[in-house]
Amino acid sequence: QIGGSSVIVAGVDDASVRLWNAMDWQPWSPPLTGHTRPVRAVAVARIRDRDLIVSGSLDNTVRIWDEDGITLAVLDLLGAVGTVALSATGTLCAATGSAICVFGVTPGIESAGSA
């Protein structure tokens, strides 16, 4: 759920993240853009009363978005990102072909690495 709505989130080959209303399959928001290569992983979690979307891409980055589609942070990794997971406690895991990275996510503190 994002913003109280049942939403389907998917990463696509055009380097965007797409969101659809799960009830009627209509777009829930404009595509989330910023990645430069296909998006291979997405995750959603509610942390401290704030819905967050995380995406991982073949461009070696993880992006953290708020429910309004605003990029809060961009994390540069050493390889293409194939898996992301985000817990309600604020733990973000991202896996590349050679590493598993773990980060803490704290909504309300706008990241210095945002783009």
Protein backbone atom coordinates (compact mmCIF):
# COMPACT_ATOMS: atom_id res chain seq x y z
CA GLN A 1 0.00 0.00 0.00
CA ILE A 2 1.10 3.53 -0.79
CA GLY A 3 -0.81 6.53 0.46
CA GLY A 4 -3.60 4.25 1.66
CA SER A 5 -4.12 2.75 -1.81
CA SER A 6 -3.35 -0.74 -3.07
CA VAL A 7 -0.63 -0.11 -5.63
CA ILE A 8 1.42 -2.35 -7.91
CA VAL A 9 5.01 -1.17 -8.35
CA ALA A 10 7.30 -2.40 -11.12
CA GLY A 11 10.67 -1.53 -12.56
CA VAL A 12 10.83 -1.51 -16.35
CA ASP A 13 13.36 -1.59 -19.15
CA ASP A 14 12.89 2.10 -20.02
CA ALA A 15 14.71 2.92 -16.72
CA SER A 16 11.55 4.04 -14.92
CA VAL A 17 9.48 2.78 -12.01
CA ARG A 18 5.77 2.43 -12.81
CA LEU A 19 2.89 2.44 -10.33
CA TRP A 20 -0.65 1.22 -11.01
CA ASN A 21 -3.80 1.23 -8.92
CA ALA A 22 -4.33 -2.44 -8.05
CA MET A 23 -8.11 -2.08 -8.15
CA ASP A 24 -8.56 -0.75 -11.69
CA TRP A 25 -5.07 -1.04 -13.30
CA GLN A 26 -4.98 2.68 -14.04
CA PRO A 27 -1.69 4.55 -13.57
CA TRP A 28 -1.41 5.61 -9.94
CA SER A 29 1.16 8.30 -10.66
CA PRO A 30 3.46 9.45 -13.45
CA PRO A 31 6.49 7.16 -13.92
CA LEU A 32 9.34 7.70 -11.48
CA THR A 33 12.39 8.65 -13.51
CA GLY A 34 16.05 9.18 -12.79
CA HIS A 35 17.70 5.84 -13.45
CA THR A 36 19.69 5.64 -16.67
CA ARG A 37 19.43 1.88 -17.29
CA PRO A 38 16.68 -0.74 -16.75
CA VAL A 39 15.22 -1.08 -13.25
CA ARG A 40 15.45 -4.67 -11.99
CA ALA A 41 14.27 -4.43 -8.39
CA VAL A 42 11.66 -2.53 -6.37
CA ALA A 43 10.42 -2.57 -2.80
CA VAL A 44 7.87 -0.60 -0.77
CA ALA A 45 7.62 -0.07 2.98
CA ARG A 46 5.95 2.23 5.46
CA ILE A 47 8.49 3.71 7.86
CA ARG A 48 7.45 6.14 10.58
CA ASP A 49 4.10 6.94 8.93
CA ARG A 50 5.77 7.57 5.58
CA ASP A 51 5.53 5.35 2.51
CA LEU A 52 8.81 4.83 0.66
CA ILE A 53 9.61 3.20 -2.67
CA VAL A 54 13.08 1.82 -3.36
CA SER A 55 14.37 0.92 -6.81
CA GLY A 56 17.56 -0.78 -7.97
CA SER A 57 18.93 -0.54 -11.49
CA LEU A 58 21.53 -1.81 -13.91
CA ASP A 59 22.97 1.73 -13.66
CA ASN A 60 24.55 0.66 -10.32
CA THR A 61 22.26 2.86 -8.22
CA VAL A 62 19.52 2.49 -5.65
CA ARG A 63 16.99 5.31 -5.48
CA ILE A 64 14.70 6.05 -2.55
CA TRP A 65 11.45 7.85 -3.41
CA ASP A 66 8.63 9.20 -1.28
CA GLU A 67 4.98 8.50 -2.05
CA ASP A 68 4.82 11.68 -4.14
CA GLY A 69 7.57 10.41 -6.45
CA ILE A 70 10.25 12.74 -5.12
CA THR A 71 13.76 11.28 -5.03
CA LEU A 72 15.01 11.39 -1.45
CA ALA A 73 18.37 9.67 -2.00
CA VAL A 74 20.55 8.06 -4.63
CA LEU A 75 23.02 5.42 -3.50
CA ASP A 76 25.86 4.56 -5.86
CA LEU A 77 26.94 0.91 -5.66
CA LEU A 78 29.80 -0.97 -7.29
CA GLY A 79 27.65 -3.06 -9.61
CA ALA A 80 24.27 -3.53 -11.20
CA VAL A 81 21.53 -3.89 -8.58
CA GLY A 82 19.45 -7.04 -8.89
CA THR A 83 17.62 -7.13 -5.55
CA VAL A 84 16.35 -4.61 -3.01
CA ALA A 85 14.44 -5.12 0.22
CA LEU A 86 13.14 -2.52 2.66
CA SER A 87 11.87 -3.31 6.15
CA ALA A 88 9.39 -1.35 8.25
CA THR A 89 12.21 -0.75 10.74
CA GLY A 90 14.18 1.17 8.13
CA THR A 91 16.72 -1.41 7.00
CA LEU A 92 17.48 -1.35 3.29
CA CYS A 93 19.34 -4.24 1.66
CA ALA A 94 20.61 -4.13 -1.91
CA ALA A 95 22.41 -6.90 -3.74
CA THR A 96 24.74 -6.59 -6.71
CA GLY A 97 26.49 -9.45 -8.45
CA SER A 98 29.35 -9.29 -5.97
CA ALA A 99 28.06 -7.67 -2.78
CA ILE A 100 25.16 -7.28 -0.37
CA CYS A 101 24.87 -3.76 1.02
CA VAL A 102 22.87 -2.79 4.10
CA PHE A 103 21.78 0.79 4.83
CA GLY A 104 19.65 2.54 7.44
CA VAL A 105 16.78 4.65 6.10
CA THR A 106 15.30 7.42 8.24
CA PRO A 107 12.36 9.30 6.68
CA GLY A 108 12.08 12.89 7.73
CA ILE A 109 15.75 13.51 7.23
CA GLU A 110 16.15 14.56 3.63
CA SER A 111 19.23 12.80 2.33
CA ALA A 112 22.31 14.77 1.42
CA GLY A 113 22.73 12.47 -1.55
CA SER A 114 19.44 13.32 -3.22
CA ALA A 115 19.34 14.20 -6.88
